[in-house]
Amino acid sequence: MKGYCVELKDNGQDFTKLITDDEGIVLRAEPFQTSIWKGAYIPIESLIIGDMCMIHHPPNIVYGHLKHEVISVTEIQL
């Protein structure tokens, strides 16, 4: 099964990587905060390196952005 690793710029936050399934659903946040971000949706195909990471995670973030730039998006095997 394939998935994606979205690496974010380190701004002192507790996570710098979001691991998603092939549909962009967050499975875990690394190194911390999986319990907060699990289940969020990231539109992988729309991410642009250098832009803020788009994310949808109701009720707190509805089609918004994290305050962290996308460094890379890598396809991975889960």
Protein backbone atom coordinates (compact mmCIF):
# COMPACT_ATOMS: atom_id res chain seq x y z
CA MET A 1 0.00 0.00 0.00
CA LYS A 2 1.41 3.39 -0.93
CA GLY A 3 1.21 6.60 1.02
CA TYR A 4 2.99 9.92 1.28
CA CYS A 5 5.39 11.65 3.64
CA VAL A 6 4.84 15.41 3.76
CA GLU A 7 7.88 17.07 5.30
CA LEU A 8 7.36 20.51 6.82
CA LYS A 9 9.74 23.33 7.64
CA ASP A 10 10.78 23.12 11.30
CA ASN A 11 9.44 26.19 13.08
CA GLY A 12 9.77 24.64 16.54
CA GLN A 13 6.50 22.70 16.28
CA ASP A 14 6.13 19.16 17.68
CA PHE A 15 5.84 17.55 14.24
CA THR A 16 7.82 17.95 11.03
CA LYS A 17 6.37 15.05 9.03
CA LEU A 18 2.81 14.02 8.27
CA ILE A 19 2.37 10.47 6.95
CA THR A 20 -0.77 9.97 4.85
CA ASP A 21 -2.44 7.13 3.01
CA ASP A 22 -2.80 7.27 -0.79
CA GLU A 23 -5.91 9.46 -0.47
CA GLY A 24 -4.21 12.08 1.72
CA ILE A 25 -5.70 11.02 5.07
CA VAL A 26 -3.17 11.59 7.87
CA LEU A 27 -2.17 8.34 9.57
CA ARG A 28 0.47 9.78 11.87
CA ALA A 29 2.50 12.87 12.70
CA GLU A 30 6.19 12.53 13.49
CA PRO A 31 7.80 12.77 15.90
CA PHE A 32 4.78 13.82 18.03
CA GLN A 33 1.05 14.74 17.88
CA THR A 34 -0.40 11.78 15.98
CA SER A 35 -3.44 11.89 18.28
CA ILE A 36 -4.14 15.48 17.18
CA TRP A 37 -3.62 15.17 13.41
CA LYS A 38 -4.75 11.60 12.66
CA GLY A 39 -7.74 11.66 10.31
CA ALA A 40 -7.04 15.09 8.82
CA TYR A 41 -7.08 15.43 5.03
CA ILE A 42 -4.18 16.84 3.01
CA PRO A 43 -4.78 17.37 -0.73
CA ILE A 44 -1.49 15.79 -1.80
CA GLU A 45 -1.96 16.55 -5.50
CA SER A 46 -2.42 20.27 -4.75
CA LEU A 47 0.57 20.80 -2.44
CA ILE A 48 3.27 23.13 -3.70
CA ILE A 49 6.82 22.99 -2.33
CA GLY A 50 7.52 26.25 -0.47
CA ASP A 51 3.84 27.05 0.19
CA MET A 52 2.04 26.57 3.48
CA CYS A 53 0.66 23.04 3.93
CA MET A 54 -3.01 22.82 3.01
CA ILE A 55 -5.10 20.76 5.44
CA HIS A 56 -8.74 20.03 6.29
CA HIS A 57 -9.38 18.94 9.88
CA PRO A 58 -12.81 19.99 11.17
CA PRO A 59 -13.95 21.53 13.41
CA ASN A 60 -10.75 23.55 13.94
CA ILE A 61 -9.35 23.80 10.40
CA VAL A 62 -11.83 23.87 7.53
CA TYR A 63 -9.97 23.90 4.20
CA GLY A 64 -7.14 25.94 5.66
CA HIS A 65 -3.38 25.88 6.01
CA LEU A 66 -0.82 25.02 8.63
CA LYS A 67 1.70 27.76 9.43
CA HIS A 68 4.50 25.56 8.10
CA GLU A 69 5.94 25.42 4.58
CA VAL A 70 6.05 22.16 2.63
CA ILE A 71 9.67 21.07 2.13
CA SER A 72 8.97 17.82 0.27
CA VAL A 73 6.31 15.28 -0.62
CA THR A 74 7.60 11.75 -1.04
CA GLU A 75 5.69 8.62 -2.05
CA ILE A 76 6.32 5.84 0.48
CA GLN A 77 5.27 2.24 1.09
CA LEU A 78 3.11 1.76 4.17
